[in-house]
Amino acid sequence: MSMKIGVMADSFRKSFLENIKAAALVGAQGVQIYATKGEFSAEMTPAQRKEKLDIIRSHGLVVSALCGDFGGHGFMVEADNAERIEKSKRIMDLALEFGCNVVTTHIGVVPADPSHPRMEVLKKACIELGRYGDQVGASFAIETGPETAAVLKAFIDSLGVNGVRVNYDPANLVMVQGEDPAAGVKLLGNYIVHTHAKDGIMLKKGDPERIYGSSNNHDEAIVYSDYFKEVPLGQGNVQFDTYLPALASIGYDGFLTIEREVGEDPAKDIGEAVLFLKEKLAKFGY
């Protein structure tokens, strides 16, 4: 079993080509790419798709996952879901064309109360996307953080489809939920098909409804830096010496994809993160 190191290409904050070059330069094995708009999206022509795939392969990389995150409220507003579902299906098609079968996203906040009216809206959207994933052989992977691991597990358990899985971000669970990532891995088990390698610190408990853009109360904009801080790998509260063995214990051999959403020198931070992960993987023999 061998876990692989990936990079969120867009974290370098450059053009597509420069992002791919930077990922190869730091020693990544794969890249995750945003696919909702811009240079890389389902709107690309066949020629553009071929060009992008050739660039990725020529740099010795594979695609670990595509990011289909539309931002904001995710799939919590029923009126918006028909369009978002169709776009998500096209992104799943695109992922398969680029040799991977995982599309990650935030769906919004799954309520802890199963009778909450939002639950049926989220379930309806995820069941449709999960069934499409089952049909084409792709996974629609919900990113952790907006709710506890236990709430997310119960939600996915209730869907009755195989195509809805988990993109496990340990830092989100630490920063927003104050949860132990190793414990969450054991709960979510084989639902995990992709991970983000990220680290962070909770400064004070915040309301996930506001942090993830679902609150209807916009009178006061949330200041994220008051609640949590993303930090370089090894400098936060993600305990990689327990987190990585937890992943190994469920048989995970996929990507640890480095995501760096802050910082003035992402290339430096990502390069150091690759070295950090290589040392940890070597230590444990993963």
Protein backbone atom coordinates (compact mmCIF):
# COMPACT_ATOMS: atom_id res chain seq x y z
CA MET A 1 0.00 0.00 0.00
CA SER A 2 1.37 3.39 -0.98
CA MET A 3 -0.29 6.75 -0.46
CA LYS A 4 0.50 9.34 -3.09
CA ILE A 5 1.24 13.05 -2.83
CA GLY A 6 -0.82 15.48 -4.84
CA VAL A 7 -1.17 19.24 -5.09
CA MET A 8 -4.19 21.47 -5.65
CA ALA A 9 -2.80 23.04 -8.82
CA ASP A 10 -4.74 26.27 -8.35
CA SER A 11 -3.02 26.82 -4.99
CA PHE A 12 -0.01 28.14 -6.91
CA ARG A 13 -2.27 30.99 -8.15
CA LYS A 14 -0.78 31.11 -11.65
CA SER A 15 -1.91 30.10 -15.14
CA PHE A 16 -2.84 26.48 -15.84
CA LEU A 17 0.51 25.76 -17.49
CA GLU A 18 2.52 27.45 -14.76
CA ASN A 19 0.52 25.64 -12.07
CA ILE A 20 1.30 22.27 -13.66
CA LYS A 21 4.98 23.15 -14.03
CA ALA A 22 5.11 24.21 -10.36
CA ALA A 23 3.42 20.98 -9.21
CA ALA A 24 5.97 18.89 -11.08
CA LEU A 25 8.82 21.02 -9.74
CA VAL A 26 7.90 20.40 -6.08
CA GLY A 27 7.77 16.65 -6.67
CA ALA A 28 4.03 15.99 -6.66
CA GLN A 29 2.68 12.83 -8.27
CA GLY A 30 -0.73 14.22 -9.09
CA VAL A 31 -2.81 17.38 -9.31
CA GLN A 32 -6.33 18.33 -8.37
CA ILE A 33 -7.78 21.06 -10.60
CA TYR A 34 -10.74 23.42 -10.24
CA ALA A 35 -13.18 22.69 -13.06
CA THR A 36 -16.04 25.12 -12.54
CA LYS A 37 -14.79 28.07 -14.62
CA GLY A 38 -11.74 29.65 -16.19
CA GLU A 39 -9.04 27.93 -18.23
CA PHE A 40 -10.04 24.44 -17.12
CA SER A 41 -13.75 23.60 -17.19
CA ALA A 42 -16.35 21.43 -18.84
CA GLU A 43 -16.74 24.23 -21.40
CA MET A 44 -13.37 23.39 -22.98
CA THR A 45 -13.37 22.29 -26.61
CA PRO A 46 -12.03 18.83 -27.51
CA ALA A 47 -8.81 20.45 -28.72
CA GLN A 48 -8.39 22.36 -25.46
CA ARG A 49 -9.01 19.19 -23.46
CA LYS A 50 -6.38 17.30 -25.41
CA GLU A 51 -3.89 20.14 -24.97
CA LYS A 52 -4.46 20.24 -21.19
CA LEU A 53 -4.16 16.47 -20.83
CA ASP A 54 -0.95 16.46 -22.88
CA ILE A 55 0.50 19.16 -20.60
CA ILE A 56 -0.34 17.18 -17.46
CA ARG A 57 1.10 13.93 -18.81
CA SER A 58 4.20 15.56 -20.27
CA HIS A 59 5.09 16.75 -16.77
CA GLY A 60 4.80 13.24 -15.35
CA LEU A 61 1.59 13.93 -13.46
CA VAL A 62 -1.87 12.40 -13.19
CA VAL A 63 -5.13 14.01 -12.13
CA SER A 64 -6.05 13.01 -8.57
CA ALA A 65 -9.49 14.68 -8.65
CA LEU A 66 -11.37 17.60 -10.11
CA CYS A 67 -12.88 20.25 -7.86
CA GLY A 68 -16.49 20.99 -8.73
CA ASP A 69 -17.08 23.51 -5.96
CA PHE A 70 -19.42 26.34 -6.97
CA GLY A 71 -18.95 28.16 -3.66
CA GLY A 72 -21.57 29.85 -1.54
CA HIS A 73 -24.51 27.73 -0.47
CA GLY A 74 -23.60 24.55 -2.35
CA PHE A 75 -26.76 22.52 -3.01
CA MET A 76 -28.89 23.97 -0.22
CA VAL A 77 -31.09 26.20 -2.41
CA GLU A 78 -33.45 23.99 -4.37
CA ALA A 79 -34.10 26.60 -7.05
CA ASP A 80 -30.41 26.57 -8.00
CA ASN A 81 -29.90 22.83 -7.93
CA ALA A 82 -31.06 21.78 -11.39
CA GLU A 83 -28.33 23.87 -13.02
CA ARG A 84 -25.69 22.90 -10.46
CA ILE A 85 -26.50 19.21 -10.77
CA GLU A 86 -26.17 19.28 -14.56
CA LYS A 87 -22.87 21.15 -14.34
CA SER A 88 -21.63 18.63 -11.74
CA LYS A 89 -22.49 15.75 -14.07
CA ARG A 90 -20.48 17.37 -16.85
CA ILE A 91 -17.54 17.77 -14.46
CA MET A 92 -17.78 14.07 -13.60
CA ASP A 93 -17.65 13.31 -17.33
CA LEU A 94 -14.62 15.58 -17.64
CA ALA A 95 -12.88 13.85 -14.74
CA LEU A 96 -13.24 10.48 -16.44
CA GLU A 97 -11.85 11.96 -19.64
CA PHE A 98 -8.78 13.05 -17.66
CA GLY A 99 -8.22 9.61 -16.17
CA CYS A 100 -9.68 10.11 -12.69
CA ASN A 101 -13.04 9.28 -11.19
CA VAL A 102 -13.38 11.75 -8.30
CA VAL A 103 -15.08 15.14 -8.23
CA THR A 104 -14.97 16.98 -4.90
CA THR A 105 -17.20 19.74 -3.61
CA HIS A 106 -18.81 21.39 -0.61
CA ILE A 107 -22.54 20.71 -0.70
CA GLY A 108 -23.35 23.16 2.12
CA VAL A 109 -24.09 22.28 5.72
CA VAL A 110 -25.79 18.97 6.48
CA PRO A 111 -28.12 19.62 9.43
CA ALA A 112 -27.71 17.44 12.50
CA ASP A 113 -31.50 17.17 12.74
CA PRO A 114 -32.74 14.64 10.14
CA SER A 115 -36.14 16.39 10.08
CA HIS A 116 -34.67 19.76 9.09
CA PRO A 117 -36.33 20.91 5.81
CA ARG A 118 -32.92 21.42 4.19
CA MET A 119 -32.16 17.70 4.57
CA GLU A 120 -34.51 16.65 1.78
CA VAL A 121 -33.11 19.30 -0.57
CA LEU A 122 -29.56 18.05 -0.02
CA LYS A 123 -30.57 14.40 -0.21
CA LYS A 124 -32.44 14.86 -3.49
CA ALA A 125 -29.44 16.54 -5.13
CA CYS A 126 -26.90 14.04 -3.80
CA ILE A 127 -29.00 11.01 -4.73
CA GLU A 128 -29.26 12.23 -8.32
CA LEU A 129 -25.52 12.89 -8.49
CA GLY A 130 -24.72 9.62 -6.75
CA ARG A 131 -26.84 7.67 -9.20
CA TYR A 132 -25.10 9.40 -12.09
CA GLY A 133 -21.77 8.52 -10.53
CA ASP A 134 -22.88 4.90 -10.23
CA GLN A 135 -23.90 4.95 -13.90
CA VAL A 136 -20.63 6.36 -15.28
CA GLY A 137 -18.16 5.04 -12.67
CA ALA A 138 -17.35 8.25 -10.83
CA SER A 139 -17.53 9.47 -7.22
CA PHE A 140 -19.15 12.71 -6.11
CA ALA A 141 -17.05 13.39 -3.01
CA ILE A 142 -18.37 15.67 -0.26
CA GLU A 143 -15.64 17.64 1.51
CA THR A 144 -15.53 17.41 5.31
CA GLY A 145 -15.84 20.39 7.64
CA PRO A 146 -19.29 21.95 7.54
CA GLU A 147 -20.66 19.22 9.82
CA THR A 148 -19.20 16.59 12.13
CA ALA A 149 -17.94 13.33 10.71
CA ALA A 150 -20.79 11.48 12.42
CA VAL A 151 -23.46 13.72 10.85
CA LEU A 152 -21.86 13.36 7.41
CA LYS A 153 -21.70 9.56 7.75
CA ALA A 154 -25.35 9.35 8.73
CA PHE A 155 -26.26 11.53 5.74
CA ILE A 156 -24.36 9.41 3.22
CA ASP A 157 -25.64 6.21 4.81
CA SER A 158 -29.19 7.45 4.19
CA LEU A 159 -28.75 8.04 0.44
CA GLY A 160 -28.72 4.46 -0.81
CA VAL A 161 -26.20 5.15 -3.61
CA ASN A 162 -22.54 4.24 -4.01
CA GLY A 163 -21.55 7.28 -6.03
CA VAL A 164 -21.51 9.74 -3.11
CA ARG A 165 -18.23 9.55 -1.21
CA VAL A 166 -15.94 11.76 0.90
CA ASN A 167 -13.09 14.16 0.20
CA TYR A 168 -11.46 14.16 3.63
CA ASP A 169 -10.00 17.49 4.73
CA PRO A 170 -8.57 17.04 8.23
CA ALA A 171 -7.87 20.74 8.71
CA ASN A 172 -11.50 21.71 8.12
CA LEU A 173 -12.58 19.31 10.86
CA VAL A 174 -9.96 20.76 13.22
CA MET A 175 -10.61 24.41 12.39
CA VAL A 176 -14.41 24.40 12.22
CA GLN A 177 -15.57 21.38 14.23
CA GLY A 178 -12.72 20.91 16.71
CA GLU A 179 -12.72 17.20 15.85
CA ASP A 180 -9.90 14.68 15.89
CA PRO A 181 -9.18 13.80 12.24
CA ALA A 182 -8.02 10.27 13.10
CA ALA A 183 -11.33 9.52 14.81
CA GLY A 184 -13.24 10.93 11.85
CA VAL A 185 -11.35 8.66 9.46
CA LYS A 186 -12.46 5.61 11.42
CA LEU A 187 -16.07 6.80 11.28
CA LEU A 188 -16.15 7.57 7.57
CA GLY A 189 -14.04 4.56 6.60
CA ASN A 190 -14.34 3.41 3.02
CA TYR A 191 -16.35 6.46 2.01
CA ILE A 192 -13.03 8.32 1.77
CA VAL A 193 -11.80 8.42 -1.85
CA HIS A 194 -9.60 11.53 -1.78
CA THR A 195 -8.02 13.75 0.86
CA HIS A 196 -6.67 17.25 1.26
CA ALA A 197 -3.37 17.61 3.08
CA LYS A 198 -3.90 20.78 5.05
CA ASP A 199 -3.31 21.94 8.61
CA GLY A 200 -4.92 24.50 10.85
CA ILE A 201 -5.88 25.78 14.27
CA MET A 202 -9.27 26.64 15.74
CA LEU A 203 -9.06 30.01 17.49
CA LYS A 204 -12.63 29.95 18.75
CA LYS A 205 -15.75 27.98 17.89
CA GLY A 206 -17.70 29.47 15.02
CA ASP A 207 -21.07 28.78 13.47
CA PRO A 208 -20.61 26.48 10.44
CA GLU A 209 -23.81 27.91 8.98
CA ARG A 210 -22.09 31.28 8.64
CA ILE A 211 -18.60 29.99 7.86
CA TYR A 212 -19.87 27.98 4.91
CA GLY A 213 -22.17 30.68 3.59
CA SER A 214 -25.53 29.18 4.45
CA SER A 215 -26.81 31.71 6.96
CA ASN A 216 -29.57 34.04 5.87
CA ASN A 217 -28.24 36.65 8.26
CA HIS A 218 -25.75 38.74 6.29
CA ASP A 219 -25.99 41.79 8.52
CA GLU A 220 -22.49 41.15 9.78
CA ALA A 221 -19.83 39.64 7.53
CA ILE A 222 -17.91 36.85 9.21
CA VAL A 223 -14.20 37.47 9.78
CA TYR A 224 -12.69 34.03 9.29
CA SER A 225 -9.40 34.96 10.93
CA ASP A 226 -11.28 35.44 14.20
CA TYR A 227 -12.25 31.77 14.24
CA PHE A 228 -9.50 29.72 12.65
CA LYS A 229 -6.13 29.88 10.99
CA GLU A 230 -4.76 27.72 8.20
CA VAL A 231 -1.05 27.01 8.77
CA PRO A 232 1.70 25.03 6.98
CA LEU A 233 1.66 21.26 7.48
CA GLY A 234 2.96 20.22 10.88
CA GLN A 235 2.32 23.60 12.50
CA GLY A 236 -1.35 23.11 13.38
CA ASN A 237 -3.59 20.71 15.26
CA VAL A 238 -3.78 17.97 12.66
CA GLN A 239 -1.75 15.21 14.27
CA PHE A 240 -0.28 13.52 11.21
CA ASP A 241 1.36 10.81 13.34
CA THR A 242 -2.12 9.52 14.21
CA TYR A 243 -4.00 10.74 11.13
CA LEU A 244 -1.87 8.90 8.54
CA PRO A 245 -2.00 5.56 10.42
CA ALA A 246 -5.78 5.99 10.65
CA LEU A 247 -5.93 6.32 6.86
CA ALA A 248 -3.72 3.25 6.51
CA SER A 249 -5.97 1.28 8.86
CA ILE A 250 -8.93 1.66 6.46
CA GLY A 251 -6.77 0.63 3.50
CA TYR A 252 -6.54 4.10 1.99
CA ASP A 253 -3.90 4.27 -0.73
CA GLY A 254 -5.05 7.34 -2.61
CA PHE A 255 -3.83 10.91 -2.76
CA LEU A 256 -2.85 13.30 0.01
CA THR A 257 -3.48 16.45 -1.99
CA ILE A 258 -1.84 19.56 -0.59
CA GLU A 259 -4.15 22.57 -0.54
CA ARG A 260 -2.78 25.98 0.45
CA GLU A 261 -5.47 28.65 0.49
CA VAL A 262 -3.50 31.40 2.25
CA GLY A 263 0.08 32.63 2.59
CA GLU A 264 2.24 35.01 0.59
CA ASP A 265 4.49 32.33 -0.94
CA PRO A 266 2.36 29.28 -1.76
CA ALA A 267 5.10 27.62 -3.84
CA LYS A 268 7.44 27.64 -0.84
CA ASP A 269 4.74 26.37 1.52
CA ILE A 270 3.67 23.63 -0.90
CA GLY A 271 7.25 22.53 -1.52
CA GLU A 272 7.83 22.24 2.22
CA ALA A 273 4.54 20.35 2.56
CA VAL A 274 5.68 17.79 -0.03
CA LEU A 275 8.87 17.21 1.95
CA PHE A 276 6.88 16.97 5.19
CA LEU A 277 4.59 14.31 3.74
CA LYS A 278 7.46 12.37 2.17
CA GLU A 279 9.17 12.20 5.57
CA LYS A 280 5.97 11.04 7.28
CA LEU A 281 5.20 8.44 4.64
CA ALA A 282 8.75 7.13 4.82
CA LYS A 283 8.54 7.00 8.62
CA PHE A 284 5.45 4.82 8.55
CA GLY A 285 6.32 2.89 5.41
CA TYR A 286 3.28 4.11 3.51
